[in-house]
Amino acid sequence: PKQAADAYYRAPITRGDKEMNRVWPFEKVYPAE
């Protein structure tokens, strides 16, 4: 949950997008703009 996470991850849809940066530090996400 948000209170315990220090980062977020989004799995790739296909093999082709696995190189994209999909791990985001908590402080890059919150607080929302």
All heavy atoms as atom14 arrays in JSON, in Angstrom:
{
  "sequence": "PKQAADAYYRAPITRGDKEMNRVWPFEKVYPAE",
  "atom14_mask": [
    [1, 1, 1, 1, 1, 1, 1, 0, 0, 0, 0, 0, 0, 0],
    [1, 1, 1, 1, 1, 1, 1, 1, 1, 0, 0, 0, 0, 0],
    [1, 1, 1, 1, 1, 1, 1, 1, 1, 0, 0, 0, 0, 0],
    [1, 1, 1, 1, 1, 0, 0, 0, 0, 0, 0, 0, 0, 0],
    [1, 1, 1, 1, 1, 0, 0, 0, 0, 0, 0, 0, 0, 0],
    [1, 1, 1, 1, 1, 1, 1, 1, 0, 0, 0, 0, 0, 0],
    [1, 1, 1, 1, 1, 0, 0, 0, 0, 0, 0, 0, 0, 0],
    [1, 1, 1, 1, 1, 1, 1, 1, 1, 1, 1, 1, 0, 0],
    [1, 1, 1, 1, 1, 1, 1, 1, 1, 1, 1, 1, 0, 0],
    [1, 1, 1, 1, 1, 1, 1, 1, 1, 1, 1, 0, 0, 0],
    [1, 1, 1, 1, 1, 0, 0, 0, 0, 0, 0, 0, 0, 0],
    [1, 1, 1, 1, 1, 1, 1, 0, 0, 0, 0, 0, 0, 0],
    [1, 1, 1, 1, 1, 1, 1, 1, 0, 0, 0, 0, 0, 0],
    [1, 1, 1, 1, 1, 1, 1, 0, 0, 0, 0, 0, 0, 0],
    [1, 1, 1, 1, 1, 1, 1, 1, 1, 1, 1, 0, 0, 0],
    [1, 1, 1, 1, 0, 0, 0, 0, 0, 0, 0, 0, 0, 0],
    [1, 1, 1, 1, 1, 1, 1, 1, 0, 0, 0, 0, 0, 0],
    [1, 1, 1, 1, 1, 1, 1, 1, 1, 0, 0, 0, 0, 0],
    [1, 1, 1, 1, 1, 1, 1, 1, 1, 0, 0, 0, 0, 0],
    [1, 1, 1, 1, 1, 1, 1, 1, 0, 0, 0, 0, 0, 0],
    [1, 1, 1, 1, 1, 1, 1, 1, 0, 0, 0, 0, 0, 0],
    [1, 1, 1, 1, 1, 1, 1, 1, 1, 1, 1, 0, 0, 0],
    [1, 1, 1, 1, 1, 1, 1, 0, 0, 0, 0, 0, 0, 0],
    [1, 1, 1, 1, 1, 1, 1, 1, 1, 1, 1, 1, 1, 1],
    [1, 1, 1, 1, 1, 1, 1, 0, 0, 0, 0, 0, 0, 0],
    [1, 1, 1, 1, 1, 1, 1, 1, 1, 1, 1, 0, 0, 0],
    [1, 1, 1, 1, 1, 1, 1, 1, 1, 0, 0, 0, 0, 0],
    [1, 1, 1, 1, 1, 1, 1, 1, 1, 0, 0, 0, 0, 0],
    [1, 1, 1, 1, 1, 1, 1, 0, 0, 0, 0, 0, 0, 0],
    [1, 1, 1, 1, 1, 1, 1, 1, 1, 1, 1, 1, 0, 0],
    [1, 1, 1, 1, 1, 1, 1, 0, 0, 0, 0, 0, 0, 0],
    [1, 1, 1, 1, 1, 0, 0, 0, 0, 0, 0, 0, 0, 0],
    [1, 1, 1, 1, 1, 1, 1, 1, 1, 0, 0, 0, 0, 0]
  ],
  "atom14_positions": [
    [[0.83, -1.21, 0.0], [0.0, 0.0, 0.0], [0.86, 1.26, 0.0], [2.06, 1.21, 0.27], [-0.81, -0.13, 1.29], [0.01, -1.02, 2.17], [0.7, -1.97, 1.25], [0.0, 0.0, 0.0], [0.0, 0.0, 0.0], [0.0, 0.0, 0.0], [0.0, 0.0, 0.0], [0.0, 0.0, 0.0], [0.0, 0.0, 0.0], [0.0, 0.0, 0.0]],
    [[0.24, 2.38, -0.28], [0.98, 3.64, -0.39], [1.81, 3.94, 0.85], [2.91, 4.48, 0.77], [0.0, 4.79, -0.67], [-0.59, 4.79, -2.06], [-1.34, 6.06, -2.36], [-2.75, 6.06, -1.8], [-3.68, 5.24, -2.6], [0.0, 0.0, 0.0], [0.0, 0.0, 0.0], [0.0, 0.0, 0.0], [0.0, 0.0, 0.0], [0.0, 0.0, 0.0]],
    [[1.28, 3.59, 2.03], [1.99, 3.91, 3.26], [3.28, 3.1, 3.4], [4.19, 3.5, 4.14], [1.1, 3.61, 4.48], [-0.21, 4.39, 4.48], [-1.33, 3.62, 3.81], [-1.14, 3.02, 2.77], [-2.5, 3.65, 4.42], [0.0, 0.0, 0.0], [0.0, 0.0, 0.0], [0.0, 0.0, 0.0], [0.0, 0.0, 0.0], [0.0, 0.0, 0.0]],
    [[3.37, 1.96, 2.71], [4.54, 1.08, 2.87], [5.47, 1.08, 1.67], [6.62, 0.65, 1.78], [4.06, -0.35, 3.15], [0.0, 0.0, 0.0], [0.0, 0.0, 0.0], [0.0, 0.0, 0.0], [0.0, 0.0, 0.0], [0.0, 0.0, 0.0], [0.0, 0.0, 0.0], [0.0, 0.0, 0.0], [0.0, 0.0, 0.0], [0.0, 0.0, 0.0]],
    [[5.01, 1.55, 0.52], [5.84, 1.51, -0.69], [6.86, 2.63, -0.68], [6.59, 3.73, -0.19], [4.95, 1.64, -1.92], [0.0, 0.0, 0.0], [0.0, 0.0, 0.0], [0.0, 0.0, 0.0], [0.0, 0.0, 0.0], [0.0, 0.0, 0.0], [0.0, 0.0, 0.0], [0.0, 0.0, 0.0], [0.0, 0.0, 0.0], [0.0, 0.0, 0.0]],
    [[8.04, 2.36, -1.22], [8.99, 3.45, -1.44], [9.29, 3.63, -2.92], [10.1, 4.45, -3.31], [10.28, 3.26, -0.63], [11.13, 2.1, -1.08], [10.8, 1.43, -2.08], [12.15, 1.86, -0.44], [0.0, 0.0, 0.0], [0.0, 0.0, 0.0], [0.0, 0.0, 0.0], [0.0, 0.0, 0.0], [0.0, 0.0, 0.0], [0.0, 0.0, 0.0]],
    [[8.59, 2.85, -3.75], [8.67, 3.0, -5.21], [7.47, 2.31, -5.82], [6.72, 1.6, -5.14], [9.97, 2.4, -5.74], [0.0, 0.0, 0.0], [0.0, 0.0, 0.0], [0.0, 0.0, 0.0], [0.0, 0.0, 0.0], [0.0, 0.0, 0.0], [0.0, 0.0, 0.0], [0.0, 0.0, 0.0], [0.0, 0.0, 0.0], [0.0, 0.0, 0.0]],
    [[7.28, 2.54, -7.12], [6.22, 1.88, -7.88], [6.81, 1.22, -9.11], [7.81, 1.68, -9.68], [5.14, 2.88, -8.3], [4.19, 3.26, -7.19], [4.33, 4.46, -6.51], [3.17, 2.4, -6.8], [3.49, 4.81, -5.49], [2.31, 2.74, -5.77], [2.46, 3.94, -5.13], [1.62, 4.27, -4.1], [0.0, 0.0, 0.0], [0.0, 0.0, 0.0]],
    [[6.14, 0.16, -9.51], [6.58, -0.62, -10.68], [5.38, -0.9, -11.56], [4.29, -1.2, -11.08], [7.2, -1.94, -10.21], [7.34, -3.02, -11.27], [8.38, -2.99, -12.19], [6.42, -4.06, -11.34], [8.5, -3.97, -13.15], [6.54, -5.05, -12.3], [7.58, -5.01, -13.2], [7.7, -5.99, -14.16], [0.0, 0.0, 0.0], [0.0, 0.0, 0.0]],
    [[5.58, -0.79, -12.87], [4.55, -1.2, -13.83], [5.14, -2.22, -14.77], [6.13, -1.96, -15.46], [4.03, -0.02, -14.65], [2.7, -0.31, -15.32], [2.49, 0.48, -16.6], [3.06, -0.25, -17.73], [3.1, 0.22, -18.97], [2.67, 1.43, -19.23], [3.62, -0.49, -19.94], [0.0, 0.0, 0.0], [0.0, 0.0, 0.0], [0.0, 0.0, 0.0]],
    [[4.53, -3.41, -14.79], [5.06, -4.49, -15.63], [4.91, -4.15, -17.11], [4.02, -3.41, -17.5], [4.32, -5.79, -15.32], [0.0, 0.0, 0.0], [0.0, 0.0, 0.0], [0.0, 0.0, 0.0], [0.0, 0.0, 0.0], [0.0, 0.0, 0.0], [0.0, 0.0, 0.0], [0.0, 0.0, 0.0], [0.0, 0.0, 0.0], [0.0, 0.0, 0.0]],
    [[5.79, -4.7, -17.96], [5.69, -4.45, -19.4], [4.47, -5.13, -19.99], [4.0, -6.15, -19.49], [6.98, -5.05, -19.96], [7.34, -6.11, -18.98], [6.91, -5.59, -17.64], [0.0, 0.0, 0.0], [0.0, 0.0, 0.0], [0.0, 0.0, 0.0], [0.0, 0.0, 0.0], [0.0, 0.0, 0.0], [0.0, 0.0, 0.0], [0.0, 0.0, 0.0]],
    [[3.93, -4.57, -21.06], [2.81, -5.19, -21.77], [3.33, -6.26, -22.71], [2.77, -7.35, -22.82], [2.05, -4.12, -22.6], [1.63, -2.96, -21.71], [0.84, -4.75, -23.27], [1.12, -1.79, -22.5], [0.0, 0.0, 0.0], [0.0, 0.0, 0.0], [0.0, 0.0, 0.0], [0.0, 0.0, 0.0], [0.0, 0.0, 0.0], [0.0, 0.0, 0.0]],
    [[4.41, -5.96, -23.4], [5.01, -6.89, -24.36], [6.5, -6.94, -24.1], [7.05, -6.14, -23.35], [4.77, -6.43, -25.81], [5.49, -5.21, -26.04], [3.29, -6.19, -26.07], [0.0, 0.0, 0.0], [0.0, 0.0, 0.0], [0.0, 0.0, 0.0], [0.0, 0.0, 0.0], [0.0, 0.0, 0.0], [0.0, 0.0, 0.0], [0.0, 0.0, 0.0]],
    [[7.17, -7.88, -24.74], [8.63, -7.94, -24.6], [9.28, -6.66, -25.11], [10.33, -6.25, -24.63], [9.19, -9.14, -25.39], [8.64, -10.48, -24.99], [8.86, -10.82, -23.54], [10.25, -11.0, -23.19], [10.68, -11.18, -21.95], [9.83, -11.16, -20.96], [11.96, -11.35, -21.71], [0.0, 0.0, 0.0], [0.0, 0.0, 0.0], [0.0, 0.0, 0.0]],
    [[8.63, -6.02, -26.06], [9.24, -4.85, -26.7], [9.35, -3.63, -25.81], [10.17, -2.77, -26.06], [0.0, 0.0, 0.0], [0.0, 0.0, 0.0], [0.0, 0.0, 0.0], [0.0, 0.0, 0.0], [0.0, 0.0, 0.0], [0.0, 0.0, 0.0], [0.0, 0.0, 0.0], [0.0, 0.0, 0.0], [0.0, 0.0, 0.0], [0.0, 0.0, 0.0]],
    [[8.49, -3.53, -24.77], [8.56, -2.31, -23.97], [9.3, -2.53, -22.65], [9.28, -1.71, -21.77], [7.17, -1.73, -23.72], [6.37, -2.49, -22.67], [6.75, -3.63, -22.35], [5.37, -1.94, -22.19], [0.0, 0.0, 0.0], [0.0, 0.0, 0.0], [0.0, 0.0, 0.0], [0.0, 0.0, 0.0], [0.0, 0.0, 0.0], [0.0, 0.0, 0.0]],
    [[9.99, -3.66, -22.51], [10.64, -3.97, -21.24], [11.81, -3.03, -20.95], [12.22, -2.89, -19.81], [11.04, -5.44, -21.21], [12.47, -5.79, -21.35], [12.71, -7.28, -21.25], [13.55, -7.6, -20.07], [14.15, -8.9, -20.09], [0.0, 0.0, 0.0], [0.0, 0.0, 0.0], [0.0, 0.0, 0.0], [0.0, 0.0, 0.0], [0.0, 0.0, 0.0]],
    [[12.36, -2.35, -21.97], [13.48, -1.45, -21.73], [13.04, -0.12, -21.11], [13.86, 0.63, -20.61], [14.23, -1.16, -23.04], [14.93, -2.38, -23.66], [13.97, -3.29, -24.4], [12.84, -2.86, -24.71], [14.34, -4.46, -24.65], [0.0, 0.0, 0.0], [0.0, 0.0, 0.0], [0.0, 0.0, 0.0], [0.0, 0.0, 0.0], [0.0, 0.0, 0.0]],
    [[11.76, 0.18, -21.19], [11.29, 1.45, -20.64], [11.51, 1.48, -19.13], [11.4, 0.45, -18.46], [9.8, 1.64, -20.94], [9.48, 1.83, -22.41], [7.7, 2.12, -22.63], [7.63, 2.29, -24.41], [0.0, 0.0, 0.0], [0.0, 0.0, 0.0], [0.0, 0.0, 0.0], [0.0, 0.0, 0.0], [0.0, 0.0, 0.0], [0.0, 0.0, 0.0]],
    [[11.79, 2.65, -18.58], [11.97, 2.78, -17.14], [10.6, 2.72, -16.49], [9.79, 3.62, -16.62], [12.66, 4.12, -16.82], [13.05, 4.2, -15.37], [12.29, 3.84, -14.49], [14.26, 4.67, -15.11], [0.0, 0.0, 0.0], [0.0, 0.0, 0.0], [0.0, 0.0, 0.0], [0.0, 0.0, 0.0], [0.0, 0.0, 0.0], [0.0, 0.0, 0.0]],
    [[10.34, 1.62, -15.78], [9.03, 1.42, -15.18], [9.1, 1.3, -13.67], [8.21, 0.78, -13.03], [8.37, 0.17, -15.77], [7.93, 0.36, -17.21], [7.7, -0.96, -17.91], [8.95, -1.63, -18.22], [9.49, -2.61, -17.48], [8.88, -3.05, -16.44], [10.63, -3.16, -17.83], [0.0, 0.0, 0.0], [0.0, 0.0, 0.0], [0.0, 0.0, 0.0]],
    [[10.2, 1.74, -13.05], [10.29, 1.81, -11.6], [10.43, 3.28, -11.23], [11.36, 3.95, -11.67], [11.48, 1.0, -11.06], [11.61, 1.18, -9.56], [11.32, -0.48, -11.41], [0.0, 0.0, 0.0], [0.0, 0.0, 0.0], [0.0, 0.0, 0.0], [0.0, 0.0, 0.0], [0.0, 0.0, 0.0], [0.0, 0.0, 0.0], [0.0, 0.0, 0.0]],
    [[9.49, 3.78, -10.42], [9.43, 5.2, -10.11], [9.53, 5.42, -8.61], [8.67, 4.94, -7.85], [8.12, 5.79, -10.64], [7.88, 5.47, -12.08], [8.68, 5.77, -13.13], [6.76, 4.75, -12.63], [8.13, 5.3, -14.31], [6.95, 4.67, -14.03], [5.61, 4.19, -12.09], [6.05, 4.04, -14.88], [4.7, 3.55, -12.94], [4.93, 3.49, -14.31]],
    [[10.55, 6.11, -8.14], [10.66, 6.41, -6.71], [9.41, 7.13, -6.21], [8.81, 7.94, -6.92], [11.89, 7.31, -6.64], [12.69, 6.97, -7.85], [11.68, 6.63, -8.91], [0.0, 0.0, 0.0], [0.0, 0.0, 0.0], [0.0, 0.0, 0.0], [0.0, 0.0, 0.0], [0.0, 0.0, 0.0], [0.0, 0.0, 0.0], [0.0, 0.0, 0.0]],
    [[9.03, 6.83, -4.99], [7.82, 7.38, -4.4], [7.79, 8.9, -4.51], [6.76, 9.5, -4.82], [7.73, 6.94, -2.93], [6.42, 7.25, -2.27], [5.38, 6.33, -2.29], [6.23, 8.45, -1.59], [4.17, 6.61, -1.66], [5.03, 8.73, -0.97], [4.0, 7.81, -1.0], [0.0, 0.0, 0.0], [0.0, 0.0, 0.0], [0.0, 0.0, 0.0]],
    [[8.95, 9.54, -4.26], [8.98, 10.99, -4.25], [8.84, 11.6, -5.64], [8.58, 12.81, -5.78], [10.28, 11.49, -3.6], [11.56, 11.13, -4.33], [12.12, 9.78, -3.93], [11.42, 8.99, -3.27], [13.3, 9.51, -4.28], [0.0, 0.0, 0.0], [0.0, 0.0, 0.0], [0.0, 0.0, 0.0], [0.0, 0.0, 0.0], [0.0, 0.0, 0.0]],
    [[9.0, 10.78, -6.7], [8.74, 11.27, -8.05], [7.24, 11.22, -8.38], [6.77, 11.89, -9.3], [9.5, 10.42, -9.07], [11.02, 10.46, -8.94], [11.58, 11.83, -9.27], [13.1, 11.8, -9.28], [13.68, 13.14, -9.56], [0.0, 0.0, 0.0], [0.0, 0.0, 0.0], [0.0, 0.0, 0.0], [0.0, 0.0, 0.0], [0.0, 0.0, 0.0]],
    [[6.51, 10.43, -7.61], [5.08, 10.23, -7.86], [4.22, 11.17, -7.03], [3.27, 11.79, -7.53], [4.7, 8.76, -7.55], [3.21, 8.53, -7.76], [5.52, 7.8, -8.42], [0.0, 0.0, 0.0], [0.0, 0.0, 0.0], [0.0, 0.0, 0.0], [0.0, 0.0, 0.0], [0.0, 0.0, 0.0], [0.0, 0.0, 0.0], [0.0, 0.0, 0.0]],
    [[4.55, 11.32, -5.74], [3.74, 12.12, -4.81], [4.53, 13.3, -4.29], [5.76, 13.24, -4.18], [3.31, 11.25, -3.63], [2.38, 10.13, -3.99], [2.84, 8.82, -4.05], [1.03, 10.38, -4.26], [1.99, 7.78, -4.36], [0.18, 9.34, -4.58], [0.66, 8.04, -4.64], [-0.19, 7.02, -4.96], [0.0, 0.0, 0.0], [0.0, 0.0, 0.0]],
    [[3.81, 14.39, -3.93], [2.37, 14.61, -4.1], [2.03, 14.89, -5.56], [2.84, 15.48, -6.3], [2.09, 15.83, -3.22], [3.4, 16.57, -3.2], [4.47, 15.52, -3.24], [0.0, 0.0, 0.0], [0.0, 0.0, 0.0], [0.0, 0.0, 0.0], [0.0, 0.0, 0.0], [0.0, 0.0, 0.0], [0.0, 0.0, 0.0], [0.0, 0.0, 0.0]],
    [[0.85, 14.5, -5.98], [0.45, 14.64, -7.37], [0.35, 16.11, -7.77], [-0.01, 16.97, -6.97], [-0.88, 13.94, -7.6], [0.0, 0.0, 0.0], [0.0, 0.0, 0.0], [0.0, 0.0, 0.0], [0.0, 0.0, 0.0], [0.0, 0.0, 0.0], [0.0, 0.0, 0.0], [0.0, 0.0, 0.0], [0.0, 0.0, 0.0], [0.0, 0.0, 0.0]],
    [[0.66, 16.36, -9.04], [0.42, 17.66, -9.66], [-0.78, 17.51, -10.6], [-1.33, 16.4, -10.76], [1.65, 18.11, -10.45], [2.91, 18.25, -9.63], [2.88, 19.45, -8.7], [2.11, 20.39, -8.98], [3.62, 19.44, -7.7], [0.0, 0.0, 0.0], [0.0, 0.0, 0.0], [0.0, 0.0, 0.0], [0.0, 0.0, 0.0], [0.0, 0.0, 0.0]]
  ]
}
